[in-house]
Amino acid sequence: MTRRRLCTTEAGNVCEVLTITEPASGGGGGDEEDSRKRVVVITARVHPGETQASWVMQGVIEFLMSDAPEAARLRSMFKFKLVPMLNPDGVINGNYRCCLAGHDMNRRWDKPHPKKHAPIHATRGMLAYVQKTTEVALFLDLHGHSKVLGPAPHPPAWLFEHTFLQSTNASTRICTIHPRKMSFWGLPCLLPHSMSVHGSAFECPFFTRPQP
């Protein structure tokens, strides 16, 4: 695993990105590894008050760094880019939803300000670079909700409207569909085809609703 600065926030705090992958040839892991690997990007805590996201992110990190055969296989197949805290300014200052500019950064993905929304701006840049050099296999932004139970996937509209994340690959072809023309979100439909073991996760109720 490598750990580096993704950007510096408006308040001067560091937003970090972790890279986890299996060394290609006895290396130390990280960005120097096989550039042909597709990349999984996972982020959390864009809303500071949604602390559940940090618990999930901690579990993701511990699993990916473990000796489990499944984790080793994932590291050999993918490069994982994890941003555990997208809004460190909000977390440090006790905000519930906003950054120090008073903006909900989860509504700024389309046109983030490079200073006021520096972590969003930097993450977008990272996604664009990865898609240009290899492929974004999955982008997952972790949230929590006070009322909604079970997994509730909500792909952001900007993700579908920008060509740098579009692909003709069958696994990401759904990203070429305009969000307003989609009658459902794709993650629950894709999971059964991408996972060989159907465990208790599929006992959780999946439901969908339009992205606000």
C-alpha atoms as a PDB file:
ATOM      1  CA  MET A   1       0.000   0.000   0.000  1.00  0.00           C
ATOM      2  CA  THR A   2       1.153   3.515  -0.745  1.00  0.00           C
ATOM      3  CA  ARG A   3      -0.191   6.689   0.826  1.00  0.00           C
ATOM      4  CA  ARG A   4       0.126  10.098  -0.781  1.00  0.00           C
ATOM      5  CA  ARG A   5      -1.366  13.563  -0.861  1.00  0.00           C
ATOM      6  CA  LEU A   6      -4.237  13.875  -3.302  1.00  0.00           C
ATOM      7  CA  CYS A   7      -4.636  17.608  -2.656  1.00  0.00           C
ATOM      8  CA  THR A   8      -4.607  20.311   0.001  1.00  0.00           C
ATOM      9  CA  THR A   9      -7.968  21.643   1.127  1.00  0.00           C
ATOM     10  CA  GLU A  10      -9.063  25.251   1.482  1.00  0.00           C
ATOM     11  CA  ALA A  11      -8.159  25.134   5.196  1.00  0.00           C
ATOM     12  CA  GLY A  12      -4.743  23.637   4.475  1.00  0.00           C
ATOM     13  CA  ASN A  13      -5.616  20.086   5.503  1.00  0.00           C
ATOM     14  CA  VAL A  14      -4.334  17.112   3.546  1.00  0.00           C
ATOM     15  CA  CYS A  15      -6.725  14.913   1.566  1.00  0.00           C
ATOM     16  CA  GLU A  16      -4.980  11.591   1.039  1.00  0.00           C
ATOM     17  CA  VAL A  17      -5.338   8.762  -1.452  1.00  0.00           C
ATOM     18  CA  LEU A  18      -4.301   5.180  -0.711  1.00  0.00           C
ATOM     19  CA  THR A  19      -3.232   2.785  -3.467  1.00  0.00           C
ATOM     20  CA  ILE A  20      -3.530  -0.947  -2.857  1.00  0.00           C
ATOM     21  CA  THR A  21      -2.522  -3.574  -5.389  1.00  0.00           C
ATOM     22  CA  GLU A  22      -0.396  -6.676  -5.756  1.00  0.00           C
ATOM     23  CA  PRO A  23       3.222  -6.041  -6.801  1.00  0.00           C
ATOM     24  CA  ALA A  24       3.739  -6.947 -10.416  1.00  0.00           C
ATOM     25  CA  SER A  25       7.240  -8.354  -9.920  1.00  0.00           C
ATOM     26  CA  GLY A  26       8.283  -8.263  -6.297  1.00  0.00           C
ATOM     27  CA  GLY A  27       7.835  -4.519  -5.887  1.00  0.00           C
ATOM     28  CA  GLY A  28       6.444  -2.654  -2.935  1.00  0.00           C
ATOM     29  CA  GLY A  29       2.927  -2.107  -4.247  1.00  0.00           C
ATOM     30  CA  GLY A  30       1.371   1.126  -5.394  1.00  0.00           C
ATOM     31  CA  ASP A  31       1.530   3.365  -8.458  1.00  0.00           C
ATOM     32  CA  GLU A  32       4.613   1.744  -9.925  1.00  0.00           C
ATOM     33  CA  GLU A  33       2.729  -1.492 -10.513  1.00  0.00           C
ATOM     34  CA  ASP A  34       1.341  -2.872 -13.746  1.00  0.00           C
ATOM     35  CA  SER A  35      -0.254   0.099 -15.485  1.00  0.00           C
ATOM     36  CA  ARG A  36      -2.534  -2.216 -17.452  1.00  0.00           C
ATOM     37  CA  LYS A  37      -4.580  -3.091 -14.383  1.00  0.00           C
ATOM     38  CA  ARG A  38      -8.047  -1.648 -14.295  1.00  0.00           C
ATOM     39  CA  VAL A  39      -8.676   0.647 -11.349  1.00  0.00           C
ATOM     40  CA  VAL A  40     -11.332   0.594  -8.636  1.00  0.00           C
ATOM     41  CA  VAL A  41     -11.865   4.007  -7.006  1.00  0.00           C
ATOM     42  CA  ILE A  42     -13.631   4.173  -3.632  1.00  0.00           C
ATOM     43  CA  THR A  43     -14.269   7.416  -1.734  1.00  0.00           C
ATOM     44  CA  ALA A  44     -15.973   8.301   1.555  1.00  0.00           C
ATOM     45  CA  ARG A  45     -17.002  11.124   3.904  1.00  0.00           C
ATOM     46  CA  VAL A  46     -17.892  13.804   1.382  1.00  0.00           C
ATOM     47  CA  HIS A  47     -20.663  14.391   3.937  1.00  0.00           C
ATOM     48  CA  PRO A  48     -18.795  14.726   7.251  1.00  0.00           C
ATOM     49  CA  GLY A  49     -21.692  13.601   9.431  1.00  0.00           C
ATOM     50  CA  GLU A  50     -22.111  10.264   7.673  1.00  0.00           C
ATOM     51  CA  THR A  51     -19.673   8.419   9.904  1.00  0.00           C
ATOM     52  CA  GLN A  52     -20.968   5.029   8.740  1.00  0.00           C
ATOM     53  CA  ALA A  53     -18.939   5.540   5.568  1.00  0.00           C
ATOM     54  CA  SER A  54     -15.690   5.529   7.548  1.00  0.00           C
ATOM     55  CA  TRP A  55     -16.561   2.195   9.160  1.00  0.00           C
ATOM     56  CA  VAL A  56     -17.215   0.709   5.728  1.00  0.00           C
ATOM     57  CA  MET A  57     -13.989   2.208   4.351  1.00  0.00           C
ATOM     58  CA  GLN A  58     -12.030   0.794   7.298  1.00  0.00           C
ATOM     59  CA  GLY A  59     -13.456  -2.635   6.542  1.00  0.00           C
ATOM     60  CA  VAL A  60     -12.542  -2.282   2.861  1.00  0.00           C
ATOM     61  CA  ILE A  61      -8.940  -1.339   3.710  1.00  0.00           C
ATOM     62  CA  GLU A  62      -8.522  -4.121   6.266  1.00  0.00           C
ATOM     63  CA  PHE A  63      -9.932  -6.701   3.867  1.00  0.00           C
ATOM     64  CA  LEU A  64      -7.853  -5.603   0.877  1.00  0.00           C
ATOM     65  CA  MET A  65      -4.690  -5.664   3.015  1.00  0.00           C
ATOM     66  CA  SER A  66      -5.481  -9.074   4.488  1.00  0.00           C
ATOM     67  CA  ASP A  67      -4.133 -12.512   3.601  1.00  0.00           C
ATOM     68  CA  ALA A  68      -7.550 -13.729   2.464  1.00  0.00           C
ATOM     69  CA  PRO A  69      -7.366 -15.530  -0.900  1.00  0.00           C
ATOM     70  CA  GLU A  70     -10.177 -13.336  -2.222  1.00  0.00           C
ATOM     71  CA  ALA A  71      -8.254 -10.179  -1.277  1.00  0.00           C
ATOM     72  CA  ALA A  72      -5.070 -11.484  -2.905  1.00  0.00           C
ATOM     73  CA  ARG A  73      -6.971 -12.230  -6.103  1.00  0.00           C
ATOM     74  CA  LEU A  74      -8.522  -8.768  -6.144  1.00  0.00           C
ATOM     75  CA  ARG A  75      -5.097  -7.155  -5.643  1.00  0.00           C
ATOM     76  CA  SER A  76      -3.702  -9.203  -8.507  1.00  0.00           C
ATOM     77  CA  MET A  77      -6.524  -8.171 -10.838  1.00  0.00           C
ATOM     78  CA  PHE A  78      -7.099  -4.519  -9.917  1.00  0.00           C
ATOM     79  CA  LYS A  79      -5.445  -1.428  -8.571  1.00  0.00           C
ATOM     80  CA  PHE A  80      -7.494   0.156  -5.774  1.00  0.00           C
ATOM     81  CA  LYS A  81      -7.491   3.927  -5.251  1.00  0.00           C
ATOM     82  CA  LEU A  82      -9.109   4.813  -1.926  1.00  0.00           C
ATOM     83  CA  VAL A  83      -9.891   8.330  -0.684  1.00  0.00           C
ATOM     84  CA  PRO A  84     -11.021   7.706   2.921  1.00  0.00           C
ATOM     85  CA  MET A  85     -12.019  11.327   3.636  1.00  0.00           C
ATOM     86  CA  LEU A  86     -13.170  13.593   0.809  1.00  0.00           C
ATOM     87  CA  ASN A  87     -14.130  16.416   3.164  1.00  0.00           C
ATOM     88  CA  PRO A  88     -11.487  16.653   5.928  1.00  0.00           C
ATOM     89  CA  ASP A  89     -12.270  20.332   6.552  1.00  0.00           C
ATOM     90  CA  GLY A  90     -15.896  19.489   7.310  1.00  0.00           C
ATOM     91  CA  VAL A  91     -14.964  16.567   9.545  1.00  0.00           C
ATOM     92  CA  ILE A  92     -12.362  18.541  11.528  1.00  0.00           C
ATOM     93  CA  ASN A  93     -14.698  21.509  12.041  1.00  0.00           C
ATOM     94  CA  GLY A  94     -17.762  19.452  12.916  1.00  0.00           C
ATOM     95  CA  ASN A  95     -19.884  20.166   9.859  1.00  0.00           C
ATOM     96  CA  TYR A  96     -22.611  17.700   9.078  1.00  0.00           C
ATOM     97  CA  ARG A  97     -22.911  18.041   5.304  1.00  0.00           C
ATOM     98  CA  CYS A  98     -20.918  20.962   3.916  1.00  0.00           C
ATOM     99  CA  CYS A  99     -17.343  22.090   3.365  1.00  0.00           C
ATOM    100  CA  LEU A 100     -16.004  25.355   4.816  1.00  0.00           C
ATOM    101  CA  ALA A 101     -17.413  27.266   1.852  1.00  0.00           C
ATOM    102  CA  GLY A 102     -20.881  26.179   2.973  1.00  0.00           C
ATOM    103  CA  HIS A 103     -21.358  24.002  -0.099  1.00  0.00           C
ATOM    104  CA  ASP A 104     -22.472  20.402  -0.350  1.00  0.00           C
ATOM    105  CA  MET A 105     -19.481  19.077  -2.289  1.00  0.00           C
ATOM    106  CA  ASN A 106     -21.477  16.050  -3.404  1.00  0.00           C
ATOM    107  CA  ARG A 107     -23.452  18.478  -5.570  1.00  0.00           C
ATOM    108  CA  ARG A 108     -20.275  19.968  -7.078  1.00  0.00           C
ATOM    109  CA  TRP A 109     -18.985  16.998  -9.059  1.00  0.00           C
ATOM    110  CA  ASP A 110     -20.015  18.540 -12.371  1.00  0.00           C
ATOM    111  CA  LYS A 111     -18.023  21.779 -12.033  1.00  0.00           C
ATOM    112  CA  PRO A 112     -15.943  21.752  -8.824  1.00  0.00           C
ATOM    113  CA  HIS A 113     -13.992  24.857  -7.834  1.00  0.00           C
ATOM    114  CA  PRO A 114     -10.273  23.977  -7.715  1.00  0.00           C
ATOM    115  CA  LYS A 115      -9.839  25.652  -4.304  1.00  0.00           C
ATOM    116  CA  LYS A 116     -13.237  25.583  -2.568  1.00  0.00           C
ATOM    117  CA  HIS A 117     -13.899  21.988  -3.648  1.00  0.00           C
ATOM    118  CA  ALA A 118     -10.298  20.833  -4.006  1.00  0.00           C
ATOM    119  CA  PRO A 119     -10.856  17.131  -3.092  1.00  0.00           C
ATOM    120  CA  ILE A 120     -13.682  16.793  -5.652  1.00  0.00           C
ATOM    121  CA  HIS A 121     -11.638  18.623  -8.270  1.00  0.00           C
ATOM    122  CA  ALA A 122      -8.615  16.386  -7.613  1.00  0.00           C
ATOM    123  CA  THR A 123     -10.665  13.177  -7.577  1.00  0.00           C
ATOM    124  CA  ARG A 124     -12.244  14.080 -10.911  1.00  0.00           C
ATOM    125  CA  GLY A 125      -8.786  14.670 -12.302  1.00  0.00           C
ATOM    126  CA  MET A 126      -7.639  11.296 -10.979  1.00  0.00           C
ATOM    127  CA  LEU A 127     -10.641   9.550 -12.547  1.00  0.00           C
ATOM    128  CA  ALA A 128      -9.999  11.240 -15.884  1.00  0.00           C
ATOM    129  CA  TYR A 129      -6.312  10.293 -15.819  1.00  0.00           C
ATOM    130  CA  VAL A 130      -7.056   6.678 -14.920  1.00  0.00           C
ATOM    131  CA  GLN A 131      -9.660   6.369 -17.665  1.00  0.00           C
ATOM    132  CA  LYS A 132      -7.217   7.852 -20.171  1.00  0.00           C
ATOM    133  CA  THR A 133      -4.348   5.537 -19.220  1.00  0.00           C
ATOM    134  CA  THR A 134      -6.190   2.306 -18.390  1.00  0.00           C
ATOM    135  CA  GLU A 135      -9.848   2.005 -17.267  1.00  0.00           C
ATOM    136  CA  VAL A 136     -12.042   2.837 -14.288  1.00  0.00           C
ATOM    137  CA  ALA A 137     -13.592  -0.542 -13.485  1.00  0.00           C
ATOM    138  CA  LEU A 138     -15.729   0.834 -10.652  1.00  0.00           C
ATOM    139  CA  PHE A 139     -16.232   4.159  -8.888  1.00  0.00           C
ATOM    140  CA  LEU A 140     -17.948   3.792  -5.520  1.00  0.00           C
ATOM    141  CA  ASP A 141     -18.727   6.738  -3.226  1.00  0.00           C
ATOM    142  CA  LEU A 142     -19.676   5.607   0.291  1.00  0.00           C
ATOM    143  CA  HIS A 143     -22.458   7.369   2.194  1.00  0.00           C
ATOM    144  CA  GLY A 144     -24.714   6.817   5.171  1.00  0.00           C
ATOM    145  CA  HIS A 145     -28.380   7.580   5.698  1.00  0.00           C
ATOM    146  CA  SER A 146     -30.468   8.131   8.807  1.00  0.00           C
ATOM    147  CA  LYS A 147     -33.587   6.455   7.376  1.00  0.00           C
ATOM    148  CA  VAL A 148     -32.699   4.400   4.309  1.00  0.00           C
ATOM    149  CA  LEU A 149     -31.852   0.771   5.111  1.00  0.00           C
ATOM    150  CA  GLY A 150     -29.929  -1.646   2.916  1.00  0.00           C
ATOM    151  CA  PRO A 151     -27.772  -0.862  -0.133  1.00  0.00           C
ATOM    152  CA  ALA A 152     -29.151   2.028  -2.164  1.00  0.00           C
ATOM    153  CA  PRO A 153     -27.001   2.714  -5.246  1.00  0.00           C
ATOM    154  CA  HIS A 154     -27.270   6.220  -6.705  1.00  0.00           C
ATOM    155  CA  PRO A 155     -24.838   6.791  -9.605  1.00  0.00           C
ATOM    156  CA  PRO A 156     -24.281  10.555  -9.972  1.00  0.00           C
ATOM    157  CA  ALA A 157     -25.694  12.119 -13.111  1.00  0.00           C
ATOM    158  CA  TRP A 158     -22.409  13.808 -14.044  1.00  0.00           C
ATOM    159  CA  LEU A 159     -20.776  10.386 -14.310  1.00  0.00           C
ATOM    160  CA  PHE A 160     -23.056   9.470 -17.203  1.00  0.00           C
ATOM    161  CA  GLU A 161     -22.859  12.812 -18.970  1.00  0.00           C
ATOM    162  CA  HIS A 162     -19.070  12.999 -19.365  1.00  0.00           C
ATOM    163  CA  THR A 163     -17.362  11.012 -22.069  1.00  0.00           C
ATOM    164  CA  PHE A 164     -14.122  10.327 -20.144  1.00  0.00           C
ATOM    165  CA  LEU A 165     -15.909   7.627 -18.164  1.00  0.00           C
ATOM    166  CA  GLN A 166     -17.769   6.138 -21.090  1.00  0.00           C
ATOM    167  CA  SER A 167     -16.626   2.827 -22.486  1.00  0.00           C
ATOM    168  CA  THR A 168     -17.640   0.264 -25.052  1.00  0.00           C
ATOM    169  CA  ASN A 169     -16.606  -2.472 -22.632  1.00  0.00           C
ATOM    170  CA  ALA A 170     -19.622  -4.606 -21.695  1.00  0.00           C
ATOM    171  CA  SER A 171     -19.053  -4.077 -17.978  1.00  0.00           C
ATOM    172  CA  THR A 172     -19.293  -0.298 -18.247  1.00  0.00           C
ATOM    173  CA  ARG A 173     -21.532   0.137 -21.272  1.00  0.00           C
ATOM    174  CA  ILE A 174     -24.362   1.244 -19.008  1.00  0.00           C
ATOM    175  CA  CYS A 175     -22.403   4.447 -18.392  1.00  0.00           C
ATOM    176  CA  THR A 176     -23.109   5.596 -21.937  1.00  0.00           C
ATOM    177  CA  ILE A 177     -26.839   5.863 -21.251  1.00  0.00           C
ATOM    178  CA  HIS A 178     -28.128   9.296 -20.306  1.00  0.00           C
ATOM    179  CA  PRO A 179     -29.450   9.203 -16.715  1.00  0.00           C
ATOM    180  CA  ARG A 180     -32.838  10.640 -17.555  1.00  0.00           C
ATOM    181  CA  LYS A 181     -33.425   7.793 -20.016  1.00  0.00           C
ATOM    182  CA  MET A 182     -32.595   5.088 -17.499  1.00  0.00           C
ATOM    183  CA  SER A 183     -35.453   3.313 -15.772  1.00  0.00           C
ATOM    184  CA  PHE A 184     -33.135   1.656 -13.260  1.00  0.00           C
ATOM    185  CA  TRP A 185     -29.622   1.941 -11.856  1.00  0.00           C
ATOM    186  CA  GLY A 186     -27.216  -0.736 -12.917  1.00  0.00           C
ATOM    187  CA  LEU A 187     -25.259  -1.856  -9.835  1.00  0.00           C
ATOM    188  CA  PRO A 188     -27.751  -4.382  -8.418  1.00  0.00           C
ATOM    189  CA  CYS A 189     -28.122  -5.887 -11.894  1.00  0.00           C
ATOM    190  CA  LEU A 190     -24.375  -6.141 -12.475  1.00  0.00           C
ATOM    191  CA  LEU A 191     -23.450  -7.643  -9.115  1.00  0.00           C
ATOM    192  CA  PRO A 192     -24.938 -11.125  -9.683  1.00  0.00           C
ATOM    193  CA  HIS A 193     -23.011 -11.375 -12.964  1.00  0.00           C
ATOM    194  CA  SER A 194     -19.696 -10.272 -11.466  1.00  0.00           C
ATOM    195  CA  MET A 195     -19.747 -12.331  -8.246  1.00  0.00           C
ATOM    196  CA  SER A 196     -19.497 -16.098  -8.243  1.00  0.00           C
ATOM    197  CA  VAL A 197     -20.725 -16.468  -4.659  1.00  0.00           C
ATOM    198  CA  HIS A 198     -24.200 -15.230  -3.733  1.00  0.00           C
ATOM    199  CA  GLY A 199     -24.062 -14.760   0.025  1.00  0.00           C
ATOM    200  CA  SER A 200     -25.941 -12.835   2.645  1.00  0.00           C
ATOM    201  CA  ALA A 201     -25.328  -9.550   0.825  1.00  0.00           C
ATOM    202  CA  PHE A 202     -28.086 -10.495  -1.586  1.00  0.00           C
ATOM    203  CA  GLU A 203     -30.530 -10.985   1.251  1.00  0.00           C
ATOM    204  CA  CYS A 204     -30.431  -7.217   1.745  1.00  0.00           C
ATOM    205  CA  PRO A 205     -33.230  -5.382  -0.061  1.00  0.00           C
ATOM    206  CA  PHE A 206     -31.982  -3.459  -3.104  1.00  0.00           C
ATOM    207  CA  PHE A 207     -34.172  -0.569  -4.130  1.00  0.00           C
ATOM    208  CA  THR A 208     -33.679   2.329  -6.503  1.00  0.00           C
ATOM    209  CA  ARG A 209     -34.954   5.841  -6.922  1.00  0.00           C
ATOM    210  CA  PRO A 210     -34.162   8.773  -9.265  1.00  0.00           C
ATOM    211  CA  GLN A 211     -31.043  10.825  -8.529  1.00  0.00           C
ATOM    212  CA  PRO A 212     -32.097  14.277  -7.245  1.00  0.00           C
END
